[in-house]
PDB file of N, CA and C in Angstrom:
ATOM      1  N   MET A   1      -9.302  89.012 -91.823  1.00  0.00           N
ATOM      2  CA  MET A   1      -8.363  88.354 -90.930  1.00  0.00           C
ATOM      3  C   MET A   1      -9.063  87.195 -90.224  1.00  0.00           C
ATOM      4  N   ASN A   2      -8.246  86.299 -89.714  1.00  0.00           N
ATOM      5  CA  ASN A   2      -8.743  85.155 -88.968  1.00  0.00           C
ATOM      6  C   ASN A   2      -8.064  85.148 -87.601  1.00  0.00           C
ATOM      7  N   LEU A   3      -8.802  84.809 -86.549  1.00  0.00           N
ATOM      8  CA  LEU A   3      -8.224  84.796 -85.198  1.00  0.00           C
ATOM      9  C   LEU A   3      -6.993  83.897 -85.114  1.00  0.00           C
ATOM     10  N   LYS A   4      -7.001  82.781 -85.836  1.00  0.00           N
ATOM     11  CA  LYS A   4      -5.857  81.868 -85.807  1.00  0.00           C
ATOM     12  C   LYS A   4      -4.566  82.571 -86.203  1.00  0.00           C
ATOM     13  N   ASN A   5      -4.671  83.509 -87.146  1.00  0.00           N
ATOM     14  CA  ASN A   5      -3.480  84.194 -87.646  1.00  0.00           C
ATOM     15  C   ASN A   5      -2.862  85.151 -86.632  1.00  0.00           C
ATOM     16  N   LEU A   6      -3.587  85.504 -85.584  1.00  0.00           N
ATOM     17  CA  LEU A   6      -3.057  86.390 -84.549  1.00  0.00           C
ATOM     18  C   LEU A   6      -2.078  85.680 -83.627  1.00  0.00           C
ATOM     19  N   HIS A   7      -2.165  84.360 -83.572  1.00  0.00           N
ATOM     20  CA  HIS A   7      -1.383  83.580 -82.611  1.00  0.00           C
ATOM     21  C   HIS A   7      -0.233  82.884 -83.333  1.00  0.00           C
ATOM     22  N   THR A   8       0.937  83.507 -83.290  1.00  0.00           N
ATOM     23  CA  THR A   8       2.083  83.032 -84.068  1.00  0.00           C
ATOM     24  C   THR A   8       3.119  82.286 -83.240  1.00  0.00           C
ATOM     25  N   GLU A   9       2.978  82.311 -81.924  1.00  0.00           N
ATOM     26  CA  GLU A   9       3.933  81.606 -81.069  1.00  0.00           C
ATOM     27  C   GLU A   9       3.589  80.122 -81.003  1.00  0.00           C
ATOM     28  N   ASN A  10       4.580  79.312 -80.760  1.00  0.00           N
ATOM     29  CA  ASN A  10       4.375  77.871 -80.630  1.00  0.00           C
ATOM     30  C   ASN A  10       4.138  77.548 -79.157  1.00  0.00           C
ATOM     31  N   LYS A  11       2.982  77.989 -78.639  1.00  0.00           N
ATOM     32  CA  LYS A  11       2.624  77.779 -77.240  1.00  0.00           C
ATOM     33  C   LYS A  11       1.239  77.141 -77.193  1.00  0.00           C
ATOM     34  N   PRO A  12       0.982  76.282 -76.201  1.00  0.00           N
ATOM     35  CA  PRO A  12      -0.316  75.604 -76.119  1.00  0.00           C
ATOM     36  C   PRO A  12      -1.482  76.551 -75.843  1.00  0.00           C
ATOM     37  N   VAL A  13      -1.243  77.617 -75.078  1.00  0.00           N
ATOM     38  CA  VAL A  13      -2.282  78.598 -74.756  1.00  0.00           C
ATOM     39  C   VAL A  13      -1.711  79.982 -75.059  1.00  0.00           C
ATOM     40  N   GLN A  14      -2.422  80.726 -75.902  1.00  0.00           N
ATOM     41  CA  GLN A  14      -1.946  82.052 -76.294  1.00  0.00           C
ATOM     42  C   GLN A  14      -3.073  83.072 -76.194  1.00  0.00           C
ATOM     43  N   THR A  15      -2.725  84.297 -75.831  1.00  0.00           N
ATOM     44  CA  THR A  15      -3.699  85.384 -75.821  1.00  0.00           C
ATOM     45  C   THR A  15      -3.145  86.557 -76.616  1.00  0.00           C
ATOM     46  N   LYS A  16      -4.059  87.348 -77.136  1.00  0.00           N
ATOM     47  CA  LYS A  16      -3.690  88.559 -77.874  1.00  0.00           C
ATOM     48  C   LYS A  16      -4.783  89.593 -77.632  1.00  0.00           C
ATOM     49  N   MET A  17      -4.394  90.747 -77.103  1.00  0.00           N
ATOM     50  CA  MET A  17      -5.346  91.825 -76.873  1.00  0.00           C
ATOM     51  C   MET A  17      -5.795  92.362 -78.229  1.00  0.00           C
ATOM     52  N   LEU A  18      -7.107  92.380 -78.463  1.00  0.00           N
ATOM     53  CA  LEU A  18      -7.630  92.937 -79.704  1.00  0.00           C
ATOM     54  C   LEU A  18      -7.876  94.433 -79.556  1.00  0.00           C
ATOM     55  N   PHE A  19      -8.524  94.819 -78.453  1.00  0.00           N
ATOM     56  CA  PHE A  19      -8.634  96.233 -78.119  1.00  0.00           C
ATOM     57  C   PHE A  19      -9.084  96.396 -76.687  1.00  0.00           C
ATOM     58  N   SER A  20      -8.813  97.590 -76.153  1.00  0.00           N
ATOM     59  CA  SER A  20      -9.128  97.896 -74.768  1.00  0.00           C
ATOM     60  C   SER A  20      -9.728  99.298 -74.714  1.00  0.00           C
ATOM     61  N   THR A  21     -10.749  99.455 -73.876  1.00  0.00           N
ATOM     62  CA  THR A  21     -11.360 100.764 -73.658  1.00  0.00           C
ATOM     63  C   THR A  21     -11.468 100.987 -72.158  1.00  0.00           C
ATOM     64  N   VAL A  22     -11.968 102.139 -71.782  1.00  0.00           N
ATOM     65  CA  VAL A  22     -12.179 102.425 -70.363  1.00  0.00           C
ATOM     66  C   VAL A  22     -13.181 101.436 -69.771  1.00  0.00           C
ATOM     67  N   GLU A  23     -14.174 101.028 -70.568  1.00  0.00           N
ATOM     68  CA  GLU A  23     -15.227 100.147 -70.080  1.00  0.00           C
ATOM     69  C   GLU A  23     -14.832  98.676 -70.038  1.00  0.00           C
ATOM     70  N   GLY A  24     -13.868  98.251 -70.835  1.00  0.00           N
ATOM     71  CA  GLY A  24     -13.492  96.839 -70.845  1.00  0.00           C
ATOM     72  C   GLY A  24     -12.508  96.521 -71.951  1.00  0.00           C
ATOM     73  N   LYS A  25     -12.404  95.239 -72.267  1.00  0.00           N
ATOM     74  CA  LYS A  25     -11.466  94.821 -73.307  1.00  0.00           C
ATOM     75  C   LYS A  25     -11.947  93.552 -73.982  1.00  0.00           C
ATOM     76  N   VAL A  26     -11.367  93.296 -75.159  1.00  0.00           N
ATOM     77  CA  VAL A  26     -11.653  92.086 -75.916  1.00  0.00           C
ATOM     78  C   VAL A  26     -10.314  91.409 -76.193  1.00  0.00           C
ATOM     79  N   ILE A  27     -10.237  90.127 -75.851  1.00  0.00           N
ATOM     80  CA  ILE A  27      -9.005  89.359 -75.974  1.00  0.00           C
ATOM     81  C   ILE A  27      -9.270  88.127 -76.823  1.00  0.00           C
ATOM     82  N   SER A  28      -8.338  87.833 -77.719  1.00  0.00           N
ATOM     83  CA  SER A  28      -8.387  86.585 -78.477  1.00  0.00           C
ATOM     84  C   SER A  28      -7.610  85.542 -77.685  1.00  0.00           C
ATOM     85  N   LEU A  29      -8.198  84.366 -77.520  1.00  0.00           N
ATOM     86  CA  LEU A  29      -7.586  83.255 -76.792  1.00  0.00           C
ATOM     87  C   LEU A  29      -7.546  82.049 -77.705  1.00  0.00           C
ATOM     88  N   GLN A  30      -6.390  81.428 -77.823  1.00  0.00           N
ATOM     89  CA  GLN A  30      -6.270  80.193 -78.605  1.00  0.00           C
ATOM     90  C   GLN A  30      -5.722  79.106 -77.694  1.00  0.00           C
ATOM     91  N   ILE A  31      -6.365  77.935 -77.731  1.00  0.00           N
ATOM     92  CA  ILE A  31      -5.914  76.781 -76.949  1.00  0.00           C
ATOM     93  C   ILE A  31      -5.700  75.638 -77.935  1.00  0.00           C
ATOM     94  N   GLY A  32      -4.508  75.056 -77.927  1.00  0.00           N
ATOM     95  CA  GLY A  32      -4.178  73.961 -78.829  1.00  0.00           C
ATOM     96  C   GLY A  32      -4.961  72.698 -78.511  1.00  0.00           C
ATOM     97  N   ALA A  33      -5.120  71.850 -79.514  1.00  0.00           N
ATOM     98  CA  ALA A  33      -5.834  70.576 -79.348  1.00  0.00           C
ATOM     99  C   ALA A  33      -5.221  69.769 -78.212  1.00  0.00           C
ATOM    100  N   GLY A  34      -6.057  69.289 -77.325  1.00  0.00           N
ATOM    101  CA  GLY A  34      -5.598  68.478 -76.201  1.00  0.00           C
ATOM    102  C   GLY A  34      -4.958  69.279 -75.082  1.00  0.00           C
ATOM    103  N   GLU A  35      -4.960  70.588 -75.191  1.00  0.00           N
ATOM    104  CA  GLU A  35      -4.344  71.444 -74.171  1.00  0.00           C
ATOM    105  C   GLU A  35      -5.387  71.955 -73.188  1.00  0.00           C
ATOM    106  N   HIS A  36      -4.912  72.595 -72.126  1.00  0.00           N
ATOM    107  CA  HIS A  36      -5.763  72.943 -70.991  1.00  0.00           C
ATOM    108  C   HIS A  36      -5.463  74.367 -70.529  1.00  0.00           C
ATOM    109  N   LEU A  37      -6.504  75.165 -70.363  1.00  0.00           N
ATOM    110  CA  LEU A  37      -6.376  76.462 -69.700  1.00  0.00           C
ATOM    111  C   LEU A  37      -6.672  76.200 -68.235  1.00  0.00           C
ATOM    112  N   LYS A  38      -5.641  76.308 -67.395  1.00  0.00           N
ATOM    113  CA  LYS A  38      -5.773  75.915 -65.989  1.00  0.00           C
ATOM    114  C   LYS A  38      -6.865  76.686 -65.258  1.00  0.00           C
ATOM    115  N   GLU A  39      -7.335  76.091 -64.181  1.00  0.00           N
ATOM    116  CA  GLU A  39      -8.392  76.691 -63.376  1.00  0.00           C
ATOM    117  C   GLU A  39      -7.937  78.047 -62.846  1.00  0.00           C
ATOM    118  N   HIS A  40      -8.809  79.030 -62.975  1.00  0.00           N
ATOM    119  CA  HIS A  40      -8.530  80.390 -62.530  1.00  0.00           C
ATOM    120  C   HIS A  40      -9.851  81.108 -62.310  1.00  0.00           C
ATOM    121  N   LEU A  41      -9.793  82.344 -61.845  1.00  0.00           N
ATOM    122  CA  LEU A  41     -11.004  83.141 -61.725  1.00  0.00           C
ATOM    123  C   LEU A  41     -10.737  84.541 -62.243  1.00  0.00           C
ATOM    124  N   SER A  42     -11.798  85.191 -62.657  1.00  0.00           N
ATOM    125  CA  SER A  42     -11.737  86.575 -63.118  1.00  0.00           C
ATOM    126  C   SER A  42     -12.418  87.442 -62.080  1.00  0.00           C
ATOM    127  N   LYS A  43     -11.868  88.623 -61.857  1.00  0.00           N
ATOM    128  CA  LYS A  43     -12.456  89.538 -60.882  1.00  0.00           C
ATOM    129  C   LYS A  43     -13.692  90.246 -61.436  1.00  0.00           C
ATOM    130  N   VAL A  44     -13.888  90.153 -62.759  1.00  0.00           N
ATOM    131  CA  VAL A  44     -15.063  90.751 -63.406  1.00  0.00           C
ATOM    132  C   VAL A  44     -15.781  89.680 -64.216  1.00  0.00           C
ATOM    133  N   ALA A  45     -17.030  89.931 -64.543  1.00  0.00           N
ATOM    134  CA  ALA A  45     -17.776  89.003 -65.391  1.00  0.00           C
ATOM    135  C   ALA A  45     -17.160  88.990 -66.794  1.00  0.00           C
ATOM    136  N   VAL A  46     -17.209  87.827 -67.448  1.00  0.00           N
ATOM    137  CA  VAL A  46     -16.606  87.650 -68.769  1.00  0.00           C
ATOM    138  C   VAL A  46     -17.585  86.894 -69.662  1.00  0.00           C
ATOM    139  N   LEU A  47     -17.641  87.286 -70.928  1.00  0.00           N
ATOM    140  CA  LEU A  47     -18.367  86.523 -71.929  1.00  0.00           C
ATOM    141  C   LEU A  47     -17.318  85.771 -72.736  1.00  0.00           C
ATOM    142  N   LEU A  48     -17.388  84.448 -72.733  1.00  0.00           N
ATOM    143  CA  LEU A  48     -16.458  83.596 -73.473  1.00  0.00           C
ATOM    144  C   LEU A  48     -17.192  83.081 -74.705  1.00  0.00           C
ATOM    145  N   VAL A  49     -16.734  83.493 -75.894  1.00  0.00           N
ATOM    146  CA  VAL A  49     -17.372  83.124 -77.152  1.00  0.00           C
ATOM    147  C   VAL A  49     -16.435  82.204 -77.923  1.00  0.00           C
ATOM    148  N   CYS A  50     -16.920  81.024 -78.288  1.00  0.00           N
ATOM    149  CA  CYS A  50     -16.120  80.090 -79.081  1.00  0.00           C
ATOM    150  C   CYS A  50     -16.262  80.480 -80.555  1.00  0.00           C
ATOM    151  N   ALA A  51     -15.179  80.947 -81.150  1.00  0.00           N
ATOM    152  CA  ALA A  51     -15.188  81.347 -82.560  1.00  0.00           C
ATOM    153  C   ALA A  51     -14.943  80.148 -83.472  1.00  0.00           C
ATOM    154  N   SER A  52     -14.132  79.197 -82.995  1.00  0.00           N
ATOM    155  CA  SER A  52     -13.872  77.983 -83.770  1.00  0.00           C
ATOM    156  C   SER A  52     -13.341  76.900 -82.836  1.00  0.00           C
ATOM    157  N   GLY A  53     -13.473  75.662 -83.270  1.00  0.00           N
ATOM    158  CA  GLY A  53     -12.951  74.546 -82.491  1.00  0.00           C
ATOM    159  C   GLY A  53     -14.001  73.831 -81.667  1.00  0.00           C
ATOM    160  N   ASN A  54     -13.519  73.153 -80.634  1.00  0.00           N
ATOM    161  CA  ASN A  54     -14.371  72.352 -79.761  1.00  0.00           C
ATOM    162  C   ASN A  54     -13.656  72.239 -78.427  1.00  0.00           C
ATOM    163  N   ALA A  55     -14.339  72.618 -77.346  1.00  0.00           N
ATOM    164  CA  ALA A  55     -13.706  72.626 -76.027  1.00  0.00           C
ATOM    165  C   ALA A  55     -14.750  72.345 -74.952  1.00  0.00           C
ATOM    166  N   ILE A  56     -14.253  72.026 -73.775  1.00  0.00           N
ATOM    167  CA  ILE A  56     -15.099  71.790 -72.614  1.00  0.00           C
ATOM    168  C   ILE A  56     -14.789  72.857 -71.563  1.00  0.00           C
ATOM    169  N   TYR A  57     -15.812  73.609 -71.189  1.00  0.00           N
ATOM    170  CA  TYR A  57     -15.719  74.621 -70.140  1.00  0.00           C
ATOM    171  C   TYR A  57     -16.198  73.979 -68.839  1.00  0.00           C
ATOM    172  N   LYS A  58     -15.440  74.177 -67.751  1.00  0.00           N
ATOM    173  CA  LYS A  58     -15.807  73.592 -66.454  1.00  0.00           C
ATOM    174  C   LYS A  58     -15.731  74.651 -65.364  1.00  0.00           C
ATOM    175  N   GLU A  59     -16.721  74.604 -64.449  1.00  0.00           N
ATOM    176  CA  GLU A  59     -16.715  75.465 -63.273  1.00  0.00           C
ATOM    177  C   GLU A  59     -16.475  74.619 -62.037  1.00  0.00           C
ATOM    178  N   GLU A  60     -15.999  75.258 -60.982  1.00  0.00           N
ATOM    179  CA  GLU A  60     -15.689  74.545 -59.744  1.00  0.00           C
ATOM    180  C   GLU A  60     -16.907  73.875 -59.124  1.00  0.00           C
ATOM    181  N   ASN A  61     -18.120  74.349 -59.438  1.00  0.00           N
ATOM    182  CA  ASN A  61     -19.337  73.763 -58.869  1.00  0.00           C
ATOM    183  C   ASN A  61     -19.787  72.507 -59.613  1.00  0.00           C
ATOM    184  N   GLY A  62     -19.027  72.099 -60.653  1.00  0.00           N
ATOM    185  CA  GLY A  62     -19.357  70.893 -61.395  1.00  0.00           C
ATOM    186  C   GLY A  62     -20.033  71.141 -62.733  1.00  0.00           C
ATOM    187  N   THR A  63     -20.395  72.392 -63.018  1.00  0.00           N
ATOM    188  CA  THR A  63     -20.996  72.721 -64.314  1.00  0.00           C
ATOM    189  C   THR A  63     -19.998  72.430 -65.429  1.00  0.00           C
ATOM    190  N   THR A  64     -20.444  71.719 -66.452  1.00  0.00           N
ATOM    191  CA  THR A  64     -19.619  71.397 -67.612  1.00  0.00           C
ATOM    192  C   THR A  64     -20.422  71.729 -68.865  1.00  0.00           C
ATOM    193  N   ILE A  65     -19.796  72.491 -69.776  1.00  0.00           N
ATOM    194  CA  ILE A  65     -20.470  72.908 -71.008  1.00  0.00           C
ATOM    195  C   ILE A  65     -19.544  72.643 -72.187  1.00  0.00           C
ATOM    196  N   GLU A  66     -20.058  71.925 -73.189  1.00  0.00           N
ATOM    197  CA  GLU A  66     -19.278  71.730 -74.412  1.00  0.00           C
ATOM    198  C   GLU A  66     -19.469  72.963 -75.290  1.00  0.00           C
ATOM    199  N   LEU A  67     -18.378  73.507 -75.790  1.00  0.00           N
ATOM    200  CA  LEU A  67     -18.411  74.696 -76.637  1.00  0.00           C
ATOM    201  C   LEU A  67     -17.922  74.364 -78.035  1.00  0.00           C
ATOM    202  N   LYS A  68     -18.729  74.715 -79.024  1.00  0.00           N
ATOM    203  CA  LYS A  68     -18.359  74.595 -80.433  1.00  0.00           C
ATOM    204  C   LYS A  68     -18.540  75.965 -81.070  1.00  0.00           C
ATOM    205  N   SER A  69     -18.127  76.098 -82.312  1.00  0.00           N
ATOM    206  CA  SER A  69     -18.236  77.379 -83.030  1.00  0.00           C
ATOM    207  C   SER A  69     -19.586  78.039 -82.821  1.00  0.00           C
ATOM    208  N   GLY A  70     -19.562  79.284 -82.367  1.00  0.00           N
ATOM    209  CA  GLY A  70     -20.782  80.048 -82.161  1.00  0.00           C
ATOM    210  C   GLY A  70     -21.360  79.955 -80.768  1.00  0.00           C
ATOM    211  N   ASP A  71     -20.914  78.994 -79.959  1.00  0.00           N
ATOM    212  CA  ASP A  71     -21.411  78.853 -78.588  1.00  0.00           C
ATOM    213  C   ASP A  71     -20.728  79.870 -77.679  1.00  0.00           C
ATOM    214  N   PHE A  72     -21.401  80.217 -76.595  1.00  0.00           N
ATOM    215  CA  PHE A  72     -20.812  81.133 -75.622  1.00  0.00           C
ATOM    216  C   PHE A  72     -21.283  80.787 -74.227  1.00  0.00           C
ATOM    217  N   VAL A  73     -20.546  81.309 -73.243  1.00  0.00           N
ATOM    218  CA  VAL A  73     -20.930  81.135 -71.845  1.00  0.00           C
ATOM    219  C   VAL A  73     -20.643  82.444 -71.112  1.00  0.00           C
ATOM    220  N   ASN A  74     -21.590  82.830 -70.250  1.00  0.00           N
ATOM    221  CA  ASN A  74     -21.392  83.985 -69.371  1.00  0.00           C
ATOM    222  C   ASN A  74     -20.716  83.488 -68.103  1.00  0.00           C
ATOM    223  N   ILE A  75     -19.572  84.034 -67.792  1.00  0.00           N
ATOM    224  CA  ILE A  75     -18.826  83.625 -66.598  1.00  0.00           C
ATOM    225  C   ILE A  75     -18.962  84.727 -65.558  1.00  0.00           C
ATOM    226  N   GLU A  76     -19.545  84.381 -64.445  1.00  0.00           N
ATOM    227  CA  GLU A  76     -19.701  85.341 -63.355  1.00  0.00           C
ATOM    228  C   GLU A  76     -18.344  85.688 -62.749  1.00  0.00           C
ATOM    229  N   ALA A  77     -18.246  86.861 -62.153  1.00  0.00           N
ATOM    230  CA  ALA A  77     -17.025  87.266 -61.453  1.00  0.00           C
ATOM    231  C   ALA A  77     -16.752  86.309 -60.300  1.00  0.00           C
ATOM    232  N   ASP A  78     -15.491  86.044 -60.050  1.00  0.00           N
ATOM    233  CA  ASP A  78     -15.024  85.233 -58.918  1.00  0.00           C
ATOM    234  C   ASP A  78     -15.491  83.780 -58.945  1.00  0.00           C
ATOM    235  N   VAL A  79     -15.753  83.225 -60.123  1.00  0.00           N
ATOM    236  CA  VAL A  79     -16.093  81.807 -60.276  1.00  0.00           C
ATOM    237  C   VAL A  79     -14.890  81.094 -60.881  1.00  0.00           C
ATOM    238  N   LYS A  80     -14.347  80.109 -60.161  1.00  0.00           N
ATOM    239  CA  LYS A  80     -13.224  79.344 -60.697  1.00  0.00           C
ATOM    240  C   LYS A  80     -13.694  78.518 -61.877  1.00  0.00           C
ATOM    241  N   HIS A  81     -12.895  78.546 -62.947  1.00  0.00           N
ATOM    242  CA  HIS A  81     -13.251  77.809 -64.154  1.00  0.00           C
ATOM    243  C   HIS A  81     -11.990  77.418 -64.919  1.00  0.00           C
ATOM    244  N   SER A  82     -12.149  76.466 -65.840  1.00  0.00           N
ATOM    245  CA  SER A  82     -11.051  76.011 -66.695  1.00  0.00           C
ATOM    246  C   SER A  82     -11.628  75.639 -68.056  1.00  0.00           C
ATOM    247  N   VAL A  83     -10.739  75.467 -69.043  1.00  0.00           N
ATOM    248  CA  VAL A  83     -11.175  75.087 -70.384  1.00  0.00           C
ATOM    249  C   VAL A  83     -10.227  74.023 -70.916  1.00  0.00           C
ATOM    250  N   ASP A  84     -10.791  72.914 -71.418  1.00  0.00           N
ATOM    251  CA  ASP A  84     -10.030  71.847 -72.063  1.00  0.00           C
ATOM    252  C   ASP A  84     -10.375  71.839 -73.544  1.00  0.00           C
ATOM    253  N   ALA A  85      -9.361  72.004 -74.402  1.00  0.00           N
ATOM    254  CA  ALA A  85      -9.607  72.018 -75.848  1.00  0.00           C
ATOM    255  C   ALA A  85      -9.564  70.597 -76.392  1.00  0.00           C
ATOM    256  N   ILE A  86     -10.627  70.189 -77.046  1.00  0.00           N
ATOM    257  CA  ILE A  86     -10.669  68.892 -77.717  1.00  0.00           C
ATOM    258  C   ILE A  86      -9.950  69.026 -79.056  1.00  0.00           C
ATOM    259  N   ALA A  87     -10.246  70.097 -79.781  1.00  0.00           N
ATOM    260  CA  ALA A  87      -9.575  70.461 -81.031  1.00  0.00           C
ATOM    261  C   ALA A  87      -8.985  71.854 -80.819  1.00  0.00           C
ATOM    262  N   GLU A  88      -8.069  72.269 -81.689  1.00  0.00           N
ATOM    263  CA  GLU A  88      -7.575  73.640 -81.578  1.00  0.00           C
ATOM    264  C   GLU A  88      -8.781  74.568 -81.566  1.00  0.00           C
ATOM    265  N   SER A  89      -8.812  75.476 -80.580  1.00  0.00           N
ATOM    266  CA  SER A  89      -9.996  76.313 -80.377  1.00  0.00           C
ATOM    267  C   SER A  89      -9.604  77.774 -80.222  1.00  0.00           C
ATOM    268  N   ASN A  90     -10.416  78.626 -80.822  1.00  0.00           N
ATOM    269  CA  ASN A  90     -10.217  80.067 -80.721  1.00  0.00           C
ATOM    270  C   ASN A  90     -11.447  80.699 -80.079  1.00  0.00           C
ATOM    271  N   PHE A  91     -11.184  81.591 -79.145  1.00  0.00           N
ATOM    272  CA  PHE A  91     -12.239  82.238 -78.363  1.00  0.00           C
ATOM    273  C   PHE A  91     -12.064  83.748 -78.366  1.00  0.00           C
ATOM    274  N   LEU A  92     -13.158  84.437 -78.102  1.00  0.00           N
ATOM    275  CA  LEU A  92     -13.117  85.850 -77.762  1.00  0.00           C
ATOM    276  C   LEU A  92     -13.505  85.961 -76.313  1.00  0.00           C
ATOM    277  N   LEU A  93     -12.702  86.667 -75.535  1.00  0.00           N
ATOM    278  CA  LEU A  93     -13.002  86.973 -74.139  1.00  0.00           C
ATOM    279  C   LEU A  93     -13.417  88.425 -74.104  1.00  0.00           C
ATOM    280  N   ILE A  94     -14.642  88.668 -73.697  1.00  0.00           N
ATOM    281  CA  ILE A  94     -15.143  90.035 -73.641  1.00  0.00           C
ATOM    282  C   ILE A  94     -15.381  90.384 -72.182  1.00  0.00           C
ATOM    283  N   LYS A  95     -14.609  91.352 -71.701  1.00  0.00           N
ATOM    284  CA  LYS A  95     -14.691  91.753 -70.282  1.00  0.00           C
ATOM    285  C   LYS A  95     -15.291  93.125 -70.171  1.00  0.00           C
TER     286      LYS A  95
END
């Protein structure tokens, strides 16, 4: 299977729960080319893994990281962040 195939809706930002356990969960996130995941924060730490595409991750403190296939970023709990997709991008969110 391919992560792209999980996202069948015609929406700029889509999520799909892959699995959930007592300890955490793994979510597939797809952001369309030129689209934006608005600034938000997570109450728990998250590992954001870029499975495909090209995007810019930004934190409220000014940190900016370009993400391409295979890149990842550790997001601390309660840190405001956003993601801008340059190309259609697929991510795994591991909480």
